[in-house]
Protein backbone atom coordinates (compact mmCIF):
# COMPACT_ATOMS: atom_id res chain seq x y z
CA MET A 1 0.07 -0.04 0.10
CA ASN A 2 1.19 3.48 -0.90
CA PRO A 3 0.85 5.74 2.09
CA LEU A 4 0.74 8.84 -0.09
CA ILE A 5 -2.13 7.41 -2.22
CA ASP A 6 -3.91 6.03 0.95
CA SER A 7 -3.76 9.36 2.59
CA LYS A 8 -5.46 11.11 -0.42
CA ARG A 9 -8.39 8.70 0.27
CA GLN A 10 -8.97 10.33 3.68
CA PHE A 11 -11.53 13.07 3.30
CA THR A 12 -12.43 15.55 6.02
CA ARG A 13 -15.65 17.20 6.08
CA ARG A 14 -14.28 20.42 4.75
CA GLU A 15 -12.70 18.45 1.83
CA PHE A 16 -15.76 16.63 0.85
CA PHE A 17 -17.76 19.71 0.40
CA GLY A 18 -14.70 21.27 -1.49
CA LYS A 19 -14.15 18.48 -3.75
CA THR A 20 -17.74 17.30 -4.80
CA ALA A 21 -19.26 18.52 -7.91
CA GLN A 22 -22.14 20.00 -5.95
CA GLY A 23 -19.59 21.51 -3.68
CA VAL A 24 -20.42 24.91 -2.05
CA GLY A 25 -19.33 27.67 -4.28
CA ALA A 26 -18.18 25.35 -7.12
CA VAL A 27 -19.47 27.98 -9.88
CA ALA A 28 -17.91 30.95 -8.02
CA LEU A 29 -14.72 29.10 -7.73
CA GLY A 30 -14.70 28.31 -11.29
CA SER A 31 -14.98 31.92 -12.14
CA LEU A 32 -12.11 32.88 -9.93
CA LEU A 33 -10.04 30.14 -11.74
CA ASP A 34 -10.93 31.18 -15.19
CA PRO A 35 -12.70 34.58 -15.21
CA LYS A 36 -12.96 34.68 -19.12
CA ALA A 37 -14.98 31.44 -19.06
CA PHE A 38 -17.67 33.03 -16.82
CA SER A 39 -17.40 36.80 -17.17
CA GLN A 40 -16.97 39.60 -19.82
CA SER A 41 -15.08 41.68 -17.12
CA PRO A 42 -11.86 40.55 -15.25
CA SER A 43 -13.96 39.66 -12.21
CA GLY A 44 -17.55 40.61 -12.60
CA LEU A 45 -20.57 38.41 -13.05
CA PRO A 46 -21.55 37.58 -16.84
CA SER A 47 -25.16 38.48 -16.07
CA LEU A 48 -24.16 42.15 -15.02
CA PRO A 49 -24.97 44.95 -15.74
CA HIS A 50 -28.78 44.17 -16.45
CA PHE A 51 -28.87 47.46 -18.54
CA ALA A 52 -26.91 50.31 -19.75
CA PRO A 53 -25.53 52.08 -16.66
CA LYS A 54 -25.58 55.79 -16.11
CA ALA A 55 -22.72 55.71 -13.41
CA LYS A 56 -19.34 53.63 -13.89
CA ARG A 57 -18.17 54.31 -10.38
CA ILE A 58 -19.21 55.74 -7.10
CA ILE A 59 -17.63 58.05 -4.47
CA TYR A 60 -19.43 58.11 -1.19
CA LEU A 61 -18.61 60.91 1.17
CA LEU A 62 -20.30 59.58 4.23
CA GLN A 63 -20.47 62.03 7.20
CA ASN A 64 -20.19 59.93 10.15
CA GLY A 65 -22.24 61.24 13.03
CA ALA A 66 -25.08 62.78 11.27
CA PRO A 67 -24.95 66.38 9.96
CA SER A 68 -27.53 68.74 11.06
CA HIS A 69 -30.07 68.95 8.41
CA VAL A 70 -32.22 72.05 9.85
CA ASP A 71 -28.91 74.00 10.12
CA LEU A 72 -27.41 73.20 6.66
CA PHE A 73 -29.96 72.11 4.22
CA ASP A 74 -33.67 72.33 5.37
CA HIS A 75 -34.40 75.84 6.29
CA LYS A 76 -37.68 75.89 8.81
CA PRO A 77 -38.71 79.30 9.84
CA MET A 78 -41.21 77.74 12.07
CA LEU A 79 -38.55 76.78 14.47
CA ALA A 80 -37.59 80.58 15.05
CA LYS A 81 -41.14 81.45 15.31
CA LEU A 82 -41.97 78.83 18.11
CA LYS A 83 -38.65 79.01 19.70
CA ARG A 84 -38.63 77.35 23.01
CA GLU A 85 -42.09 75.92 22.52
CA PRO A 86 -42.42 71.97 22.86
CA VAL A 87 -42.64 69.83 19.77
CA PRO A 88 -46.44 69.37 19.08
CA ASP A 89 -47.68 65.92 20.16
CA SER A 90 -49.25 65.49 16.89
CA VAL A 91 -45.78 65.66 15.34
CA LEU A 92 -43.56 64.05 18.05
CA GLY A 93 -45.93 61.01 18.71
CA ASN A 94 -44.15 58.05 20.36
CA LYS A 95 -41.12 58.32 18.50
CA ARG A 96 -37.83 57.25 20.03
CA PHE A 97 -34.60 59.11 20.25
CA SER A 98 -31.26 58.04 21.64
CA SER A 99 -30.78 57.70 25.24
CA MET A 100 -28.82 60.93 25.59
CA THR A 101 -32.01 62.87 25.28
CA ASP A 102 -32.89 63.48 29.08
CA THR A 103 -35.54 66.02 29.04
CA LYS A 104 -38.97 65.40 29.00
CA GLU A 105 -40.02 68.54 27.09
CA LYS A 106 -38.53 68.82 23.66
CA LEU A 107 -38.26 72.64 23.18
CA LEU A 108 -37.91 73.77 19.34
CA LEU A 109 -34.31 75.16 18.56
CA PRO A 110 -34.13 77.60 15.62
CA ASN A 111 -31.41 77.03 12.86
CA ILE A 112 -28.13 78.39 14.03
CA THR A 113 -26.96 79.56 10.57
CA GLU A 114 -28.30 82.08 8.14
CA PHE A 115 -30.02 80.47 5.26
CA ALA A 116 -30.01 82.08 1.56
CA GLN A 117 -30.92 80.97 -2.06
CA TYR A 118 -28.10 80.21 -4.37
CA GLY A 119 -27.65 79.33 -8.06
CA LYS A 120 -30.22 79.35 -10.81
CA SER A 121 -32.12 76.76 -9.09
CA GLY A 122 -32.45 79.01 -6.09
CA ILE A 123 -31.87 76.19 -3.58
CA THR A 124 -31.52 77.31 0.00
CA LEU A 125 -28.32 76.36 2.12
CA GLY A 126 -27.02 77.22 5.42
CA SER A 127 -24.10 79.90 5.64
CA PHE A 128 -21.70 77.38 6.88
CA LEU A 129 -21.49 75.80 3.44
CA PRO A 130 -20.09 78.67 1.12
CA HIS A 131 -18.35 76.40 -1.27
CA THR A 132 -21.35 73.82 -1.52
CA SER A 133 -23.47 76.94 -2.58
CA GLU A 134 -21.32 77.50 -5.66
CA ILE A 135 -22.31 74.15 -7.04
CA VAL A 136 -25.90 73.75 -6.17
CA ASP A 137 -26.97 73.65 -9.70
CA ASP A 138 -25.12 70.16 -10.15
CA LEU A 139 -26.57 68.68 -6.96
CA CYS A 140 -29.68 66.94 -6.27
CA PHE A 141 -30.89 67.26 -2.63
CA ILE A 142 -33.12 64.69 -1.21
CA ARG A 143 -34.91 66.17 1.78
CA SER A 144 -36.96 63.35 2.76
CA MET A 145 -34.68 60.76 3.59
CA HIS A 146 -35.73 58.52 6.71
CA THR A 147 -34.42 55.43 8.39
CA THR A 148 -35.17 53.32 11.37
CA SER A 149 -32.00 53.55 13.37
CA VAL A 150 -31.22 56.10 16.19
CA ASN A 151 -27.67 54.87 16.81
CA HIS A 152 -24.52 55.57 14.76
CA ALA A 153 -23.00 52.08 13.98
CA PRO A 154 -26.41 50.42 13.10
CA GLY A 155 -27.43 53.51 11.05
CA ILE A 156 -24.37 53.65 9.12
CA ASN A 157 -24.31 50.00 8.68
CA TYR A 158 -27.96 50.15 7.52
CA PHE A 159 -26.81 52.61 4.61
CA LEU A 160 -23.85 50.80 3.75
CA SER A 161 -25.17 47.25 3.77
CA GLY A 162 -28.93 47.24 4.06
CA ALA A 163 -28.92 45.82 7.67
CA GLU A 164 -28.38 47.35 11.21
CA ILE A 165 -26.58 44.29 12.34
CA PRO A 166 -23.23 43.63 10.96
CA GLY A 167 -22.50 40.46 8.78
CA ARG A 168 -23.82 41.45 5.44
CA PRO A 169 -21.63 42.71 2.54
CA SER A 170 -21.23 46.41 2.30
CA MET A 171 -22.44 48.34 -1.04
CA GLY A 172 -18.91 48.51 -2.07
CA ALA A 173 -18.38 44.84 -1.85
CA TRP A 174 -21.57 44.16 -3.50
CA LEU A 175 -20.49 46.19 -6.50
CA SER A 176 -16.99 44.60 -6.68
CA TYR A 177 -18.42 41.21 -6.58
CA GLY A 178 -21.10 42.08 -9.38
CA LEU A 179 -19.33 44.34 -11.68
CA GLY A 180 -15.58 43.70 -11.11
CA SER A 181 -12.89 46.30 -11.34
CA ASP A 182 -11.77 48.50 -14.22
CA ALA A 183 -8.14 48.64 -12.61
CA GLU A 184 -5.60 45.85 -12.89
CA ASP A 185 -3.12 47.45 -10.42
CA LEU A 186 -5.58 49.07 -7.72
CA PRO A 187 -8.44 47.52 -5.68
CA SER A 188 -11.93 47.91 -6.86
CA PHE A 189 -13.12 49.03 -3.60
CA VAL A 190 -10.99 51.56 -1.35
CA ALA A 191 -12.02 52.93 2.15
CA MET A 192 -10.57 56.08 3.57
CA THR A 193 -11.09 57.81 6.92
CA SER A 194 -10.76 61.21 8.43
CA ARG A 195 -11.62 63.10 11.65
CA ASP A 196 -12.52 66.56 12.72
CA LYS A 197 -9.52 68.69 13.57
CA GLU A 198 -10.38 69.09 17.32
CA ALA A 199 -11.06 65.31 17.52
CA SER A 200 -14.00 66.21 20.03
CA CYS A 201 -16.69 64.07 18.86
CA GLY A 202 -15.42 61.43 16.41
CA GLN A 203 -17.15 58.22 15.87
CA ILE A 204 -15.55 54.76 15.61
CA PHE A 205 -14.60 53.42 12.23
CA TYR A 206 -15.54 49.73 12.31
CA ASP A 207 -13.92 47.40 9.65
CA PHE A 208 -17.47 45.97 8.81
CA TYR A 209 -18.35 49.33 7.19
CA TRP A 210 -16.34 48.22 4.27
CA GLY A 211 -16.46 44.31 5.06
CA SER A 212 -17.58 41.61 2.44
CA GLY A 213 -19.87 40.06 4.80
CA PHE A 214 -20.74 36.53 3.45
CA LEU A 215 -19.12 37.18 0.13
CA PRO A 216 -15.71 36.11 -0.42
CA THR A 217 -13.05 38.44 1.36
CA LYS A 218 -11.74 39.23 -1.99
CA TYR A 219 -14.40 41.74 -2.45
CA GLN A 220 -14.00 43.77 0.81
CA GLY A 221 -12.83 47.16 0.83
CA VAL A 222 -9.13 47.98 1.15
CA LYS A 223 -8.57 50.66 3.74
CA PHE A 224 -5.85 53.27 2.89
CA ARG A 225 -4.37 54.34 6.05
CA GLY A 226 -4.19 58.08 7.04
CA SER A 227 -0.55 58.26 7.86
CA GLY A 228 2.78 56.72 6.52
CA SER A 229 2.41 54.08 3.63
CA PRO A 230 -1.24 53.90 2.68
CA VAL A 231 -1.36 50.15 2.79
CA LEU A 232 1.15 48.10 5.13
CA TYR A 233 3.84 45.92 3.82
CA LEU A 234 3.91 47.37 0.15
CA SER A 235 7.61 47.92 0.40
CA ASN A 236 9.95 44.87 0.20
CA PRO A 237 12.22 44.16 3.04
CA ASP A 238 15.82 45.12 2.71
CA GLY A 239 17.63 42.94 0.41
CA VAL A 240 14.73 41.74 -1.42
CA SER A 241 14.46 42.87 -4.97
CA ARG A 242 11.22 43.33 -7.08
CA GLU A 243 12.56 40.52 -9.25
CA LEU A 244 12.98 38.22 -6.40
CA ARG A 245 9.62 39.12 -4.87
CA ARG A 246 7.88 38.36 -8.30
CA SER A 247 9.86 34.80 -8.34
CA MET A 248 8.55 34.34 -4.58
CA LEU A 249 5.12 35.07 -5.53
CA ASP A 250 5.01 33.06 -8.70
CA ASP A 251 6.13 30.03 -6.51
CA LEU A 252 3.58 30.72 -3.95
CA GLU A 253 1.00 31.04 -6.27
CA LYS A 254 1.77 27.53 -7.73
CA LEU A 255 1.45 26.21 -4.10
CA ASN A 256 -1.86 28.00 -3.43
CA GLU A 257 -3.20 26.86 -6.79
CA GLU A 258 -2.59 23.05 -5.76
CA LYS A 259 -4.37 23.65 -2.35
CA LEU A 260 -7.23 25.29 -4.41
CA LYS A 261 -7.47 22.24 -6.55
CA ASP A 262 -7.54 19.93 -3.43
CA TYR A 263 -9.85 21.93 -1.09
CA GLY A 264 -11.93 24.08 -3.41
CA ASP A 265 -11.98 26.91 -0.89
CA PRO A 266 -12.62 30.41 -2.47
CA GLU A 267 -10.57 31.98 0.23
CA ILE A 268 -7.50 30.28 -1.25
CA ALA A 269 -8.38 31.93 -4.39
CA THR A 270 -8.76 35.23 -2.65
CA ARG A 271 -5.09 34.95 -1.33
CA ILE A 272 -3.80 34.19 -4.65
CA SER A 273 -5.46 37.47 -6.00
CA GLN A 274 -4.72 39.61 -3.06
CA TYR A 275 -1.06 38.68 -3.29
CA GLU A 276 -0.98 39.60 -6.68
CA MET A 277 -2.92 42.82 -6.18
CA ALA A 278 -0.25 43.70 -3.40
CA TYR A 279 2.52 43.23 -6.03
CA GLN A 280 0.89 45.45 -8.61
CA MET A 281 0.24 48.16 -5.85
CA GLN A 282 3.93 48.39 -4.96
CA MET A 283 4.24 50.19 -8.32
CA SER A 284 0.83 52.02 -8.43
CA VAL A 285 0.39 53.36 -5.12
CA PRO A 286 3.40 55.53 -5.01
CA GLU A 287 2.38 57.17 -8.20
CA LEU A 288 -1.41 57.43 -6.87
CA THR A 289 -0.22 59.61 -3.86
CA ASP A 290 2.35 61.63 -5.65
CA PHE A 291 0.42 65.05 -6.06
CA THR A 292 3.37 66.78 -8.04
CA SER A 293 1.53 66.29 -11.22
CA GLU A 294 -1.53 68.15 -10.01
CA SER A 295 -1.70 71.88 -10.88
CA GLU A 296 -1.44 74.67 -8.27
CA SER A 297 -5.09 75.72 -9.26
CA THR A 298 -6.45 72.16 -8.53
CA LEU A 299 -4.35 71.80 -5.11
CA SER A 300 -5.87 75.10 -4.13
CA MET A 301 -9.27 74.28 -5.10
CA TYR A 302 -9.24 71.37 -2.47
CA GLY A 303 -8.15 73.70 0.38
CA PRO A 304 -5.16 74.20 2.75
CA ASP A 305 -5.35 70.67 4.25
CA VAL A 306 -4.83 68.82 0.92
CA HIS A 307 -1.36 67.94 1.49
CA ARG A 308 -2.31 66.67 4.96
CA GLN A 309 -2.44 62.97 4.75
CA GLY A 310 -5.45 61.60 6.51
CA SER A 311 -7.48 64.97 6.10
CA PHE A 312 -10.97 64.92 4.27
CA ALA A 313 -9.24 67.13 1.71
CA TYR A 314 -6.66 64.88 0.90
CA ASN A 315 -8.82 61.96 0.75
CA CYS A 316 -11.21 63.80 -1.57
CA LEU A 317 -8.39 64.40 -4.02
CA MET A 318 -7.19 60.73 -3.64
CA ALA A 319 -10.68 59.78 -4.52
CA ARG A 320 -10.76 61.63 -7.71
CA ARG A 321 -7.30 60.10 -8.69
CA LEU A 322 -8.61 56.71 -7.82
CA ALA A 323 -11.55 57.13 -9.80
CA GLU A 324 -9.46 58.15 -12.74
CA ARG A 325 -7.65 54.85 -12.49
CA GLY A 326 -10.52 52.75 -12.42
CA THR A 327 -11.47 52.01 -8.83
CA ARG A 328 -15.23 51.14 -8.72
CA PHE A 329 -16.28 52.08 -5.31
CA ILE A 330 -14.49 54.72 -2.93
CA GLN A 331 -15.88 55.33 0.31
CA LEU A 332 -14.75 58.40 2.32
CA MET A 333 -15.85 58.45 6.08
CA HIS A 334 -15.38 61.64 8.02
CA ALA A 335 -16.06 61.58 11.80
CA GLY A 336 -17.08 64.49 13.96
CA TRP A 337 -20.74 65.34 13.24
CA ASP A 338 -22.15 64.22 16.49
CA GLN A 339 -23.00 67.40 18.10
CA HIS A 340 -25.04 66.56 21.06
CA ASN A 341 -23.88 69.72 23.28
CA ASN A 342 -21.24 71.75 21.26
CA LEU A 343 -23.55 72.37 18.04
CA THR A 344 -22.59 76.12 17.82
CA ARG A 345 -18.85 75.48 17.48
CA GLN A 346 -18.45 71.99 16.22
CA LEU A 347 -20.83 72.27 13.34
CA LYS A 348 -18.88 75.11 11.89
CA VAL A 349 -15.64 73.13 12.30
CA GLN A 350 -16.83 70.13 10.58
CA CYS A 351 -18.04 72.31 7.56
CA MET A 352 -14.70 73.97 7.44
CA ASP A 353 -13.30 70.54 7.08
CA THR A 354 -15.53 69.32 4.61
CA ASP A 355 -17.40 72.00 2.62
CA GLN A 356 -14.37 73.12 0.27
CA PRO A 357 -13.05 69.51 -0.53
CA SER A 358 -16.55 68.22 -1.40
CA ALA A 359 -17.38 71.05 -3.70
CA ALA A 360 -13.86 70.85 -5.23
CA LEU A 361 -14.45 67.26 -5.90
CA ILE A 362 -17.51 68.02 -7.82
CA LYS A 363 -15.86 70.95 -9.73
CA ASP A 364 -12.60 68.66 -10.50
CA LEU A 365 -14.80 65.68 -11.83
CA LYS A 366 -16.81 68.10 -13.85
CA SER A 367 -13.83 69.86 -15.47
CA ARG A 368 -12.37 66.60 -16.45
CA GLY A 369 -15.60 65.15 -18.14
CA MET A 370 -15.85 62.54 -15.39
CA LEU A 371 -18.92 63.74 -13.55
CA ASP A 372 -21.34 62.47 -16.05
CA ASP A 373 -20.38 58.90 -15.26
CA THR A 374 -19.23 59.27 -11.49
CA LEU A 375 -22.09 59.21 -8.78
CA VAL A 376 -21.02 61.42 -5.92
CA ILE A 377 -23.10 60.78 -2.72
CA TRP A 378 -22.87 63.10 0.29
CA GLY A 379 -24.73 62.49 3.56
CA GLY A 380 -24.80 60.95 7.12
CA GLU A 381 -26.68 58.12 8.72
CA PHE A 382 -29.60 60.19 10.09
CA GLY A 383 -30.06 63.94 10.79
CA ARG A 384 -30.41 65.84 13.99
CA THR A 385 -33.50 66.73 15.96
CA PRO A 386 -35.26 70.24 15.53
CA PHE A 387 -35.48 70.57 19.27
CA LEU A 388 -32.76 71.42 21.71
CA GLN A 389 -30.62 69.04 23.71
CA GLY A 390 -29.17 71.06 26.58
CA GLU A 391 -30.38 74.35 28.20
CA PHE A 392 -31.32 77.68 26.36
CA GLU A 393 -29.46 79.38 28.87
CA ASN A 394 -26.02 77.94 27.79
CA TYR A 395 -25.53 78.80 24.31
CA ALA A 396 -22.02 77.37 24.11
CA ARG A 397 -23.75 73.79 25.15
CA TRP A 398 -26.52 73.87 22.67
CA GLY A 399 -26.97 70.44 20.91
CA ARG A 400 -29.32 68.18 18.90
CA ASP A 401 -30.04 64.48 19.35
CA HIS A 402 -30.07 61.88 16.56
CA HIS A 403 -32.97 62.23 14.22
CA PRO A 404 -33.97 59.43 11.86
CA TYR A 405 -37.42 60.51 10.88
CA GLY A 406 -36.65 63.23 8.28
CA PHE A 407 -33.14 64.50 6.92
CA THR A 408 -31.12 65.38 3.88
CA VAL A 409 -28.55 63.81 1.62
CA TRP A 410 -27.29 65.03 -1.73
CA MET A 411 -26.14 63.32 -5.12
CA ALA A 412 -24.45 64.41 -7.98
CA GLY A 413 -23.52 63.14 -11.41
CA GLY A 414 -23.90 59.59 -12.55
CA GLY A 415 -27.42 59.97 -14.03
CA ILE A 416 -28.90 62.35 -11.22
CA LYS A 417 -30.70 65.44 -12.20
CA PRO A 418 -28.99 68.43 -11.37
CA GLY A 419 -30.24 71.40 -9.36
CA MET A 420 -33.24 70.09 -7.94
CA VAL A 421 -34.82 69.26 -4.53
CA TYR A 422 -36.82 66.16 -3.88
CA GLY A 423 -39.02 65.53 -1.14
CA ALA A 424 -39.74 67.46 1.96
CA THR A 425 -40.10 67.31 5.69
CA ASP A 426 -42.96 69.02 7.37
CA GLU A 427 -42.70 72.60 8.84
CA PHE A 428 -40.55 71.48 11.72
CA GLY A 429 -38.24 69.52 9.78
CA PHE A 430 -39.24 66.67 11.85
CA ASN A 431 -40.99 64.10 9.66
CA ALA A 432 -40.45 63.35 5.87
CA VAL A 433 -43.92 64.04 4.38
CA GLU A 434 -43.58 64.61 0.90
CA ASP A 435 -42.08 61.85 -1.39
CA PRO A 436 -40.37 59.98 1.65
CA VAL A 437 -37.22 58.19 0.61
CA HIS A 438 -36.23 55.07 2.75
CA VAL A 439 -32.76 53.70 3.09
CA HIS A 440 -33.54 50.70 0.79
CA ASP A 441 -35.22 53.19 -1.87
CA PHE A 442 -31.95 54.97 -1.74
CA GLN A 443 -29.77 51.87 -2.39
CA ALA A 444 -32.28 50.66 -5.06
CA THR A 445 -31.67 53.84 -6.96
CA ILE A 446 -28.00 53.61 -6.58
CA MET A 447 -28.03 50.13 -7.79
CA HIS A 448 -30.11 51.15 -10.93
CA LEU A 449 -27.62 53.90 -11.85
CA MET A 450 -24.94 51.47 -11.74
CA GLY A 451 -27.07 49.23 -14.31
CA ILE A 452 -28.43 46.83 -11.82
CA ASP A 453 -31.75 45.71 -10.95
CA HIS A 454 -31.60 45.52 -7.18
CA GLU A 455 -34.11 42.72 -7.05
CA ARG A 456 -32.24 40.46 -9.35
CA PHE A 457 -28.77 40.98 -7.90
CA THR A 458 -28.62 38.25 -5.13
CA TYR A 459 -26.18 36.14 -3.44
CA LYS A 460 -27.27 32.78 -1.99
CA PHE A 461 -26.11 32.32 1.73
CA GLN A 462 -27.27 29.66 4.31
CA GLY A 463 -30.25 28.71 2.01
CA ARG A 464 -31.50 32.18 1.29
CA ASN A 465 -30.84 34.51 -1.57
CA TYR A 466 -29.83 37.92 -0.03
CA ARG A 467 -29.77 41.31 -1.64
CA LEU A 468 -28.49 44.93 -0.70
CA THR A 469 -31.97 46.06 -0.43
CA ASP A 470 -33.16 43.13 1.76
CA VAL A 471 -36.79 42.63 0.56
CA HIS A 472 -37.52 46.17 0.08
CA GLY A 473 -36.58 49.33 -1.99
CA GLN A 474 -38.12 51.17 -4.86
CA VAL A 475 -36.07 53.10 -7.37
CA VAL A 476 -36.67 56.77 -6.97
CA LYS A 477 -37.30 57.55 -10.47
CA PRO A 478 -38.17 61.36 -10.32
CA ILE A 479 -34.42 62.19 -9.71
CA LEU A 480 -33.03 60.28 -12.57
CA ALA A 481 -31.80 62.34 -15.67
């Protein structure tokens, strides 16, 4: 008896499922081994897109902590008229808020900014957004967003994955899985984070915000760091040349492919592809992060923080450069919008961090002819209450609580109608009352702009077909160009 042959006859449970013709993920594994046999793109599904897309890529400027819609986007004169009056019971109902609201009486607080109309469209904005006011005719403001979560991490995860509980793929992972990548030497999904300058009310950035959930980990976002090398271990160790690294990776790939044939584990295919991507990024990332090719006018447009790695301005310029080079989904997250008791100072700080770079990104994309097929999204996980959190006598400690019942996000480019406002909240900025848009409607619309029917784009996991929009969602057609 040959011991080697005999050992091959011994199957573990994992090996059995990996080797049988009906093994879990057999088709997906085949597409990883031979992408051309199953897909028209290097790594996407052959069935996608379902129809001609309006957008090729997405830049999501997620404002972690929830910007105050009633101070920035949704002017409500009634708040000033009824200052210090309680929210009417007919409006308040039995709605819940975070545990940080400790007052029984919820007294109305006027907007702390001055509002004015801007652009040919005459859209009103708060005075803390002077640069955004210059591009209102390129933006579509959805003032009737609403959600179900009253806390940050579940609320952000809901927008990004369609579920409040972690474990499902984020939007970028879904699109990387379905549409693949247009870049051979950069990831299809990149995440970057930044914090307010004072670091006074930043939220935690959890890895599941850019995770792949139950999809193979190949599709999770690659997080670029805010200091030092954007990705760890891109540089070769001392004494290891690029040629030697290439030879080592080739040998390692052969070993991994043997294991892949033996076990059929898609995570082995992920390792193969990620090793190769890391090798390619050794050349592409240094060029990506070198801003010397940018004109002085471009750099100044993004603001004084553009050279400070880890700042929102730096990340916005990086997002444009990634978009140029074929990255499918770019997720920028900026923390610091959680103003429970320092609204009068911190709201301005956040706007100074983000207003100019956000507007510059739109201007930059437009000047390069990229805005038409790049969808840019700006918004938080919910809004903030029209009532005061704190005491009126202490102006410096004014705040607003979390508010999921009506708030604003804006979108631009990629098939979105410019210079318009969609939906409305009531006279207090409290409830979405006109053309309400739920999180799943928002996601369905994004998928539609990428050429995807959200109801048909599913992944089977533990016996159920999952999708980004769960079992809900309607495309918001009136905002489509």
